[in-house]
Amino acid sequence: MDEQLKLLIELQELDTAILSIADEIDVLPRRLSQFEVPLREARKSFESIKKKAEVLNRKKHDKDLELDEVQDKIDKLKARSSDIKTNKEYEAHRKEIGVFENNIYKIEDEILALMEEIEAFTAQIQKEEETVRKAEEDFKKQEKLIQEEKTRLTAEIDMYKAKRNDFVTRVNKELYDQYMKKFDRLGGLAVVQVRNEICLGCNTNIPPQLYNDIKETGKTYTCYYCKRFLYYKEPPPADENPPSTPPSS
């Protein structure tokens, strides 16, 4: 096989490896996003519960103030009891106090109901906090693993690129320029095998004479249709005596 063609084949193998690793690096953020979704949802649920609890606490605070105000009015009314002169005034006075006292009972019931709700929400908040903590731990763990994977893949791709630079210096410049044009135009696949008179780049039959020339001469030829560089590689010999499968016990 022509030496330049060998270099092109090896260059294509290196570029294919580089593209494959680059694709692996590109999908890493999507892998991490799988753990971002449950974390984001856990935080959203936690914030929702927390806001509801805050609303309840504000309502309870307002009711506490309302209770204090009503109690203050009752205390002031009771302080005026000594100023009452007639039974009629006293009866009206007692009724007025009774109205405020009934209001107190109502407010106290509302406060009790709010306290029960707050207690339930407090337990739910603790549960949501634990869910957020677990989601954050999972996310950080995956973030670390993915960063380690990215570091490894980056080192691997740098190694292939350094090796590629060495190959490029040995390829004929005109041939390399042709290779790069095909590489860019044909989706990163500029050099392909032929097998059984078929170009494995475009899966199109090539003329029998071209197929024979590629097999026999080992020179650089291109596909009539996709214009990729073509080469022939002998298939591995079939194993005439494949190992027998041991009988199952």
C-alpha atoms as a PDB file:
ATOM      1  CA  MET A   1       0.000   0.000   0.000  1.00  0.00           C
ATOM      2  CA  ASP A   2       1.180   3.494  -0.858  1.00  0.00           C
ATOM      3  CA  GLU A   3       2.867   5.164   2.155  1.00  0.00           C
ATOM      4  CA  GLN A   4       0.820   8.351   1.787  1.00  0.00           C
ATOM      5  CA  LEU A   5      -2.383   6.338   1.734  1.00  0.00           C
ATOM      6  CA  LYS A   6      -1.303   4.556   4.923  1.00  0.00           C
ATOM      7  CA  LEU A   7      -0.749   7.936   6.552  1.00  0.00           C
ATOM      8  CA  LEU A   8      -4.196   9.114   5.410  1.00  0.00           C
ATOM      9  CA  ILE A   9      -5.804   5.983   6.870  1.00  0.00           C
ATOM     10  CA  GLU A  10      -4.054   6.478  10.204  1.00  0.00           C
ATOM     11  CA  LEU A  11      -4.906  10.182  10.131  1.00  0.00           C
ATOM     12  CA  GLN A  12      -8.570   9.326   9.580  1.00  0.00           C
ATOM     13  CA  GLU A  13      -8.456   6.870  12.499  1.00  0.00           C
ATOM     14  CA  LEU A  14      -6.971   9.572  14.730  1.00  0.00           C
ATOM     15  CA  ASP A  15      -9.540  12.152  13.633  1.00  0.00           C
ATOM     16  CA  THR A  16     -12.358   9.655  14.146  1.00  0.00           C
ATOM     17  CA  ALA A  17     -11.095   9.010  17.674  1.00  0.00           C
ATOM     18  CA  ILE A  18     -10.830  12.765  18.332  1.00  0.00           C
ATOM     19  CA  LEU A  19     -14.381  13.359  17.082  1.00  0.00           C
ATOM     20  CA  SER A  20     -15.696  10.466  19.158  1.00  0.00           C
ATOM     21  CA  ILE A  21     -14.060  11.794  22.333  1.00  0.00           C
ATOM     22  CA  ALA A  22     -15.278  15.321  21.555  1.00  0.00           C
ATOM     23  CA  ASP A  23     -18.815  13.935  21.286  1.00  0.00           C
ATOM     24  CA  GLU A  24     -18.386  12.266  24.692  1.00  0.00           C
ATOM     25  CA  ILE A  25     -17.284  15.594  26.180  1.00  0.00           C
ATOM     26  CA  ASP A  26     -20.241  17.376  24.573  1.00  0.00           C
ATOM     27  CA  VAL A  27     -22.796  15.057  26.201  1.00  0.00           C
ATOM     28  CA  LEU A  28     -21.348  15.440  29.711  1.00  0.00           C
ATOM     29  CA  PRO A  29     -23.437  18.553  30.521  1.00  0.00           C
ATOM     30  CA  ARG A  30     -26.589  16.663  29.502  1.00  0.00           C
ATOM     31  CA  ARG A  31     -25.662  13.851  31.873  1.00  0.00           C
ATOM     32  CA  LEU A  32     -25.309  16.371  34.675  1.00  0.00           C
ATOM     33  CA  SER A  33     -28.634  17.989  33.788  1.00  0.00           C
ATOM     34  CA  GLN A  34     -30.352  14.702  34.670  1.00  0.00           C
ATOM     35  CA  PHE A  35     -29.408  15.440  38.284  1.00  0.00           C
ATOM     36  CA  GLU A  36     -30.175  19.157  37.973  1.00  0.00           C
ATOM     37  CA  VAL A  37     -33.860  18.474  37.312  1.00  0.00           C
ATOM     38  CA  PRO A  38     -34.650  16.667  40.614  1.00  0.00           C
ATOM     39  CA  LEU A  39     -32.556  19.233  42.517  1.00  0.00           C
ATOM     40  CA  ARG A  40     -34.424  22.115  40.890  1.00  0.00           C
ATOM     41  CA  GLU A  41     -37.780  20.447  41.570  1.00  0.00           C
ATOM     42  CA  ALA A  42     -36.837  19.702  45.199  1.00  0.00           C
ATOM     43  CA  ARG A  43     -35.820  23.318  45.762  1.00  0.00           C
ATOM     44  CA  LYS A  44     -38.996  24.572  44.094  1.00  0.00           C
ATOM     45  CA  SER A  45     -41.162  22.314  46.272  1.00  0.00           C
ATOM     46  CA  PHE A  46     -39.252  23.396  49.385  1.00  0.00           C
ATOM     47  CA  GLU A  47     -39.680  27.100  48.570  1.00  0.00           C
ATOM     48  CA  SER A  48     -43.399  26.580  47.912  1.00  0.00           C
ATOM     49  CA  ILE A  49     -43.954  24.887  51.270  1.00  0.00           C
ATOM     50  CA  LYS A  50     -41.782  27.475  53.016  1.00  0.00           C
ATOM     51  CA  LYS A  51     -43.805  30.369  51.551  1.00  0.00           C
ATOM     52  CA  LYS A  52     -47.070  28.757  52.636  1.00  0.00           C
ATOM     53  CA  ALA A  53     -45.679  28.357  56.147  1.00  0.00           C
ATOM     54  CA  GLU A  54     -44.595  32.001  56.147  1.00  0.00           C
ATOM     55  CA  VAL A  55     -48.127  33.060  55.153  1.00  0.00           C
ATOM     56  CA  LEU A  56     -49.557  31.018  58.021  1.00  0.00           C
ATOM     57  CA  ASN A  57     -47.083  32.498  60.486  1.00  0.00           C
ATOM     58  CA  ARG A  58     -48.021  36.019  59.360  1.00  0.00           C
ATOM     59  CA  LYS A  59     -51.701  35.164  59.792  1.00  0.00           C
ATOM     60  CA  LYS A  60     -51.020  33.831  63.277  1.00  0.00           C
ATOM     61  CA  HIS A  61     -49.014  36.959  64.113  1.00  0.00           C
ATOM     62  CA  ASP A  62     -51.926  39.146  62.950  1.00  0.00           C
ATOM     63  CA  LYS A  63     -54.365  37.064  65.009  1.00  0.00           C
ATOM     64  CA  ASP A  64     -52.123  37.381  68.071  1.00  0.00           C
ATOM     65  CA  LEU A  65     -52.195  41.158  67.663  1.00  0.00           C
ATOM     66  CA  GLU A  66     -55.948  41.087  67.151  1.00  0.00           C
ATOM     67  CA  LEU A  67     -56.325  39.001  70.313  1.00  0.00           C
ATOM     68  CA  ASP A  68     -54.219  41.460  72.294  1.00  0.00           C
ATOM     69  CA  GLU A  69     -56.309  44.361  71.022  1.00  0.00           C
ATOM     70  CA  VAL A  70     -59.585  42.699  71.976  1.00  0.00           C
ATOM     71  CA  GLN A  71     -58.202  41.732  75.389  1.00  0.00           C
ATOM     72  CA  ASP A  72     -57.051  45.310  75.896  1.00  0.00           C
ATOM     73  CA  LYS A  73     -60.573  46.543  75.122  1.00  0.00           C
ATOM     74  CA  ILE A  74     -62.031  44.073  77.634  1.00  0.00           C
ATOM     75  CA  ASP A  75     -59.555  45.183  80.288  1.00  0.00           C
ATOM     76  CA  LYS A  76     -60.465  48.819  79.691  1.00  0.00           C
ATOM     77  CA  LEU A  77     -64.190  48.042  79.859  1.00  0.00           C
ATOM     78  CA  LYS A  78     -63.744  46.155  83.108  1.00  0.00           C
ATOM     79  CA  ALA A  79     -61.758  49.059  84.533  1.00  0.00           C
ATOM     80  CA  ARG A  80     -64.751  51.316  83.919  1.00  0.00           C
ATOM     81  CA  SER A  81     -67.123  49.035  85.840  1.00  0.00           C
ATOM     82  CA  SER A  82     -66.801  51.099  89.036  1.00  0.00           C
ATOM     83  CA  ASP A  83     -68.133  54.153  87.189  1.00  0.00           C
ATOM     84  CA  ILE A  84     -71.458  52.486  86.312  1.00  0.00           C
ATOM     85  CA  LYS A  85     -74.388  53.882  88.302  1.00  0.00           C
ATOM     86  CA  THR A  86     -77.523  52.033  87.158  1.00  0.00           C
ATOM     87  CA  ASN A  87     -78.508  48.413  86.534  1.00  0.00           C
ATOM     88  CA  LYS A  88     -79.379  49.235  82.935  1.00  0.00           C
ATOM     89  CA  GLU A  89     -75.940  50.659  82.313  1.00  0.00           C
ATOM     90  CA  TYR A  90     -74.379  47.675  84.037  1.00  0.00           C
ATOM     91  CA  GLU A  91     -76.371  45.216  81.884  1.00  0.00           C
ATOM     92  CA  ALA A  92     -75.349  47.018  78.695  1.00  0.00           C
ATOM     93  CA  HIS A  93     -71.787  47.085  79.955  1.00  0.00           C
ATOM     94  CA  ARG A  94     -71.784  43.308  80.594  1.00  0.00           C
ATOM     95  CA  LYS A  95     -73.241  42.637  77.151  1.00  0.00           C
ATOM     96  CA  GLU A  96     -70.510  44.716  75.529  1.00  0.00           C
ATOM     97  CA  ILE A  97     -67.849  42.787  77.428  1.00  0.00           C
ATOM     98  CA  GLY A  98     -69.578  39.494  76.450  1.00  0.00           C
ATOM     99  CA  VAL A  99     -69.381  40.409  72.755  1.00  0.00           C
ATOM    100  CA  PHE A 100     -65.635  40.993  73.017  1.00  0.00           C
ATOM    101  CA  GLU A 101     -65.162  37.806  75.056  1.00  0.00           C
ATOM    102  CA  ASN A 102     -66.993  35.776  72.385  1.00  0.00           C
ATOM    103  CA  ASN A 103     -64.733  37.393  69.820  1.00  0.00           C
ATOM    104  CA  ILE A 104     -61.731  36.267  71.879  1.00  0.00           C
ATOM    105  CA  TYR A 105     -62.961  32.654  71.835  1.00  0.00           C
ATOM    106  CA  LYS A 106     -63.331  32.851  68.068  1.00  0.00           C
ATOM    107  CA  ILE A 107     -59.854  34.346  67.598  1.00  0.00           C
ATOM    108  CA  GLU A 108     -58.318  31.751  69.934  1.00  0.00           C
ATOM    109  CA  ASP A 109     -59.948  28.950  67.885  1.00  0.00           C
ATOM    110  CA  GLU A 110     -58.522  30.490  64.703  1.00  0.00           C
ATOM    111  CA  ILE A 111     -55.073  30.757  66.294  1.00  0.00           C
ATOM    112  CA  LEU A 112     -55.264  27.108  67.407  1.00  0.00           C
ATOM    113  CA  ALA A 113     -56.201  26.016  63.879  1.00  0.00           C
ATOM    114  CA  LEU A 114     -53.328  28.063  62.445  1.00  0.00           C
ATOM    115  CA  MET A 115     -50.911  26.530  64.963  1.00  0.00           C
ATOM    116  CA  GLU A 116     -51.971  23.029  63.873  1.00  0.00           C
ATOM    117  CA  GLU A 117     -51.431  23.955  60.232  1.00  0.00           C
ATOM    118  CA  ILE A 118     -48.060  25.506  61.030  1.00  0.00           C
ATOM    119  CA  GLU A 119     -47.024  22.364  62.895  1.00  0.00           C
ATOM    120  CA  ALA A 120     -47.970  20.219  59.901  1.00  0.00           C
ATOM    121  CA  PHE A 121     -46.092  22.514  57.529  1.00  0.00           C
ATOM    122  CA  THR A 122     -43.056  22.515  59.846  1.00  0.00           C
ATOM    123  CA  ALA A 123     -42.865  18.712  59.584  1.00  0.00           C
ATOM    124  CA  GLN A 124     -43.282  18.960  55.812  1.00  0.00           C
ATOM    125  CA  ILE A 125     -40.558  21.601  55.596  1.00  0.00           C
ATOM    126  CA  GLN A 126     -38.153  19.304  57.444  1.00  0.00           C
ATOM    127  CA  LYS A 127     -38.984  16.516  55.014  1.00  0.00           C
ATOM    128  CA  GLU A 128     -38.490  18.813  52.007  1.00  0.00           C
ATOM    129  CA  GLU A 129     -35.186  20.053  53.451  1.00  0.00           C
ATOM    130  CA  GLU A 130     -33.966  16.460  53.629  1.00  0.00           C
ATOM    131  CA  THR A 131     -35.046  15.896  50.009  1.00  0.00           C
ATOM    132  CA  VAL A 132     -33.139  19.006  48.915  1.00  0.00           C
ATOM    133  CA  ARG A 133     -30.063  17.933  50.880  1.00  0.00           C
ATOM    134  CA  LYS A 134     -30.106  14.474  49.249  1.00  0.00           C
ATOM    135  CA  ALA A 135     -30.598  15.984  45.777  1.00  0.00           C
ATOM    136  CA  GLU A 136     -27.712  18.410  46.384  1.00  0.00           C
ATOM    137  CA  GLU A 137     -25.456  15.549  47.498  1.00  0.00           C
ATOM    138  CA  ASP A 138     -26.340  13.505  44.405  1.00  0.00           C
ATOM    139  CA  PHE A 139     -25.758  16.510  42.160  1.00  0.00           C
ATOM    140  CA  LYS A 140     -22.370  17.348  43.710  1.00  0.00           C
ATOM    141  CA  LYS A 141     -21.302  13.710  43.514  1.00  0.00           C
ATOM    142  CA  GLN A 142     -22.213  13.498  39.827  1.00  0.00           C
ATOM    143  CA  GLU A 143     -20.686  16.911  39.148  1.00  0.00           C
ATOM    144  CA  LYS A 144     -17.385  15.649  40.579  1.00  0.00           C
ATOM    145  CA  LEU A 145     -17.532  12.390  38.615  1.00  0.00           C
ATOM    146  CA  ILE A 146     -18.356  14.206  35.382  1.00  0.00           C
ATOM    147  CA  GLN A 147     -15.569  16.729  35.923  1.00  0.00           C
ATOM    148  CA  GLU A 148     -13.151  13.859  36.470  1.00  0.00           C
ATOM    149  CA  GLU A 149     -14.449  12.220  33.288  1.00  0.00           C
ATOM    150  CA  LYS A 150     -14.036  15.480  31.382  1.00  0.00           C
ATOM    151  CA  THR A 151     -10.458  15.833  32.648  1.00  0.00           C
ATOM    152  CA  ARG A 152      -9.670  12.276  31.539  1.00  0.00           C
ATOM    153  CA  LEU A 153     -11.258  12.715  28.121  1.00  0.00           C
ATOM    154  CA  THR A 154      -9.540  16.074  27.590  1.00  0.00           C
ATOM    155  CA  ALA A 155      -6.163  14.488  28.347  1.00  0.00           C
ATOM    156  CA  GLU A 156      -6.991  11.667  25.935  1.00  0.00           C
ATOM    157  CA  ILE A 157      -8.021  14.024  23.161  1.00  0.00           C
ATOM    158  CA  ASP A 158      -4.868  16.101  23.692  1.00  0.00           C
ATOM    159  CA  MET A 159      -2.810  12.932  23.295  1.00  0.00           C
ATOM    160  CA  TYR A 160      -4.528  12.104  20.001  1.00  0.00           C
ATOM    161  CA  LYS A 161      -4.086  15.679  18.762  1.00  0.00           C
ATOM    162  CA  ALA A 162      -0.361  15.577  19.529  1.00  0.00           C
ATOM    163  CA  LYS A 163      -0.068  12.303  17.647  1.00  0.00           C
ATOM    164  CA  ARG A 164      -2.084  13.816  14.781  1.00  0.00           C
ATOM    165  CA  ASN A 165       0.303  16.764  14.528  1.00  0.00           C
ATOM    166  CA  ASP A 166       3.127  14.293  13.960  1.00  0.00           C
ATOM    167  CA  PHE A 167       1.209  12.558  11.169  1.00  0.00           C
ATOM    168  CA  VAL A 168       0.305  15.815   9.439  1.00  0.00           C
ATOM    169  CA  THR A 169       3.977  16.727   8.978  1.00  0.00           C
ATOM    170  CA  ARG A 170       4.483  13.469   7.079  1.00  0.00           C
ATOM    171  CA  VAL A 171       1.512  13.799   4.727  1.00  0.00           C
ATOM    172  CA  ASN A 172       1.955  15.496   1.355  1.00  0.00           C
ATOM    173  CA  LYS A 173       0.577  19.034   1.730  1.00  0.00           C
ATOM    174  CA  GLU A 174      -1.596  18.898  -1.376  1.00  0.00           C
ATOM    175  CA  LEU A 175      -2.979  15.525  -0.331  1.00  0.00           C
ATOM    176  CA  TYR A 176      -3.589  16.800   3.202  1.00  0.00           C
ATOM    177  CA  ASP A 177      -5.466  19.824   1.869  1.00  0.00           C
ATOM    178  CA  GLN A 178      -7.682  17.494  -0.161  1.00  0.00           C
ATOM    179  CA  TYR A 179      -8.216  15.333   2.906  1.00  0.00           C
ATOM    180  CA  MET A 180      -9.298  18.312   5.028  1.00  0.00           C
ATOM    181  CA  LYS A 181     -11.727  19.575   2.394  1.00  0.00           C
ATOM    182  CA  LYS A 182     -13.342  16.147   2.204  1.00  0.00           C
ATOM    183  CA  PHE A 183     -13.235  15.803   5.985  1.00  0.00           C
ATOM    184  CA  ASP A 184     -15.079  19.108   6.490  1.00  0.00           C
ATOM    185  CA  ARG A 185     -17.568  18.514   3.678  1.00  0.00           C
ATOM    186  CA  LEU A 186     -18.329  14.866   4.403  1.00  0.00           C
ATOM    187  CA  GLY A 187     -19.033  14.901   8.109  1.00  0.00           C
ATOM    188  CA  GLY A 188     -15.578  13.989   9.348  1.00  0.00           C
ATOM    189  CA  LEU A 189     -15.182  10.895   7.156  1.00  0.00           C
ATOM    190  CA  ALA A 190     -12.727  11.397   4.303  1.00  0.00           C
ATOM    191  CA  VAL A 191     -11.048   7.965   4.067  1.00  0.00           C
ATOM    192  CA  VAL A 192     -13.101   4.749   3.927  1.00  0.00           C
ATOM    193  CA  GLN A 193     -12.778   1.094   3.078  1.00  0.00           C
ATOM    194  CA  VAL A 194     -14.148  -0.633   0.025  1.00  0.00           C
ATOM    195  CA  ARG A 195     -15.661  -4.048   0.508  1.00  0.00           C
ATOM    196  CA  ASN A 196     -17.336  -6.290  -2.038  1.00  0.00           C
ATOM    197  CA  GLU A 197     -17.212  -3.462  -4.619  1.00  0.00           C
ATOM    198  CA  ILE A 198     -19.041  -1.091  -2.242  1.00  0.00           C
ATOM    199  CA  CYS A 199     -17.777   2.235  -0.904  1.00  0.00           C
ATOM    200  CA  LEU A 200     -18.428   2.103   2.847  1.00  0.00           C
ATOM    201  CA  GLY A 201     -18.660   5.886   2.945  1.00  0.00           C
ATOM    202  CA  CYS A 202     -21.729   6.294   0.729  1.00  0.00           C
ATOM    203  CA  ASN A 203     -22.715   2.590   0.455  1.00  0.00           C
ATOM    204  CA  THR A 204     -22.657   2.821  -3.325  1.00  0.00           C
ATOM    205  CA  ASN A 205     -21.321   0.218  -5.740  1.00  0.00           C
ATOM    206  CA  ILE A 206     -18.091   1.226  -7.429  1.00  0.00           C
ATOM    207  CA  PRO A 207     -16.952  -0.050 -10.853  1.00  0.00           C
ATOM    208  CA  PRO A 208     -15.346  -3.506 -10.696  1.00  0.00           C
ATOM    209  CA  GLN A 209     -12.163  -2.268 -12.394  1.00  0.00           C
ATOM    210  CA  LEU A 210     -11.713   0.485  -9.800  1.00  0.00           C
ATOM    211  CA  TYR A 211     -12.281  -2.045  -7.051  1.00  0.00           C
ATOM    212  CA  ASN A 212      -9.615  -4.315  -8.503  1.00  0.00           C
ATOM    213  CA  ASP A 213      -7.173  -1.411  -8.925  1.00  0.00           C
ATOM    214  CA  ILE A 214      -7.632  -0.432  -5.290  1.00  0.00           C
ATOM    215  CA  LYS A 215      -7.045  -4.018  -4.171  1.00  0.00           C
ATOM    216  CA  GLU A 216      -4.108  -4.718  -6.451  1.00  0.00           C
ATOM    217  CA  THR A 217      -2.153  -1.457  -6.549  1.00  0.00           C
ATOM    218  CA  GLY A 218      -2.720  -0.013  -3.089  1.00  0.00           C
ATOM    219  CA  LYS A 219      -2.609   3.460  -4.561  1.00  0.00           C
ATOM    220  CA  THR A 220      -4.780   6.443  -3.662  1.00  0.00           C
ATOM    221  CA  TYR A 221      -8.174   6.418  -5.409  1.00  0.00           C
ATOM    222  CA  THR A 222     -11.421   8.241  -4.725  1.00  0.00           C
ATOM    223  CA  CYS A 223     -15.051   7.158  -4.895  1.00  0.00           C
ATOM    224  CA  TYR A 224     -16.814   8.233  -8.104  1.00  0.00           C
ATOM    225  CA  TYR A 225     -19.824   9.333  -6.106  1.00  0.00           C
ATOM    226  CA  CYS A 226     -18.862  10.717  -2.681  1.00  0.00           C
ATOM    227  CA  LYS A 227     -15.217  11.536  -3.609  1.00  0.00           C
ATOM    228  CA  ARG A 228     -13.830   9.982  -0.440  1.00  0.00           C
ATOM    229  CA  PHE A 229     -10.404   8.365  -0.468  1.00  0.00           C
ATOM    230  CA  LEU A 230     -10.744   4.595  -0.766  1.00  0.00           C
ATOM    231  CA  TYR A 231      -8.622   1.713   0.446  1.00  0.00           C
ATOM    232  CA  TYR A 232      -8.901  -2.042   0.657  1.00  0.00           C
ATOM    233  CA  LYS A 233      -8.231  -4.046   3.795  1.00  0.00           C
ATOM    234  CA  GLU A 234      -8.024  -7.797   3.818  1.00  0.00           C
ATOM    235  CA  PRO A 235     -10.740  -9.289   6.039  1.00  0.00           C
ATOM    236  CA  PRO A 236      -9.488 -11.301   9.004  1.00  0.00           C
ATOM    237  CA  PRO A 237      -9.238 -15.020   8.245  1.00  0.00           C
ATOM    238  CA  ALA A 238     -12.206 -17.069   9.328  1.00  0.00           C
ATOM    239  CA  ASP A 239     -11.524 -19.406  12.221  1.00  0.00           C
ATOM    240  CA  GLU A 240     -11.751 -22.828  10.678  1.00  0.00           C
ATOM    241  CA  ASN A 241     -11.936 -24.516  14.069  1.00  0.00           C
ATOM    242  CA  PRO A 242     -14.006 -22.319  16.358  1.00  0.00           C
ATOM    243  CA  PRO A 243     -13.947 -23.331  19.999  1.00  0.00           C
ATOM    244  CA  SER A 244     -16.802 -25.623  20.854  1.00  0.00           C
ATOM    245  CA  THR A 245     -19.309 -24.496  23.406  1.00  0.00           C
ATOM    246  CA  PRO A 246     -18.955 -26.548  26.568  1.00  0.00           C
ATOM    247  CA  PRO A 247     -22.063 -28.559  27.355  1.00  0.00           C
ATOM    248  CA  SER A 248     -24.288 -27.009  29.959  1.00  0.00           C
ATOM    249  CA  SER A 249     -24.352 -28.769  33.278  1.00  0.00           C
END
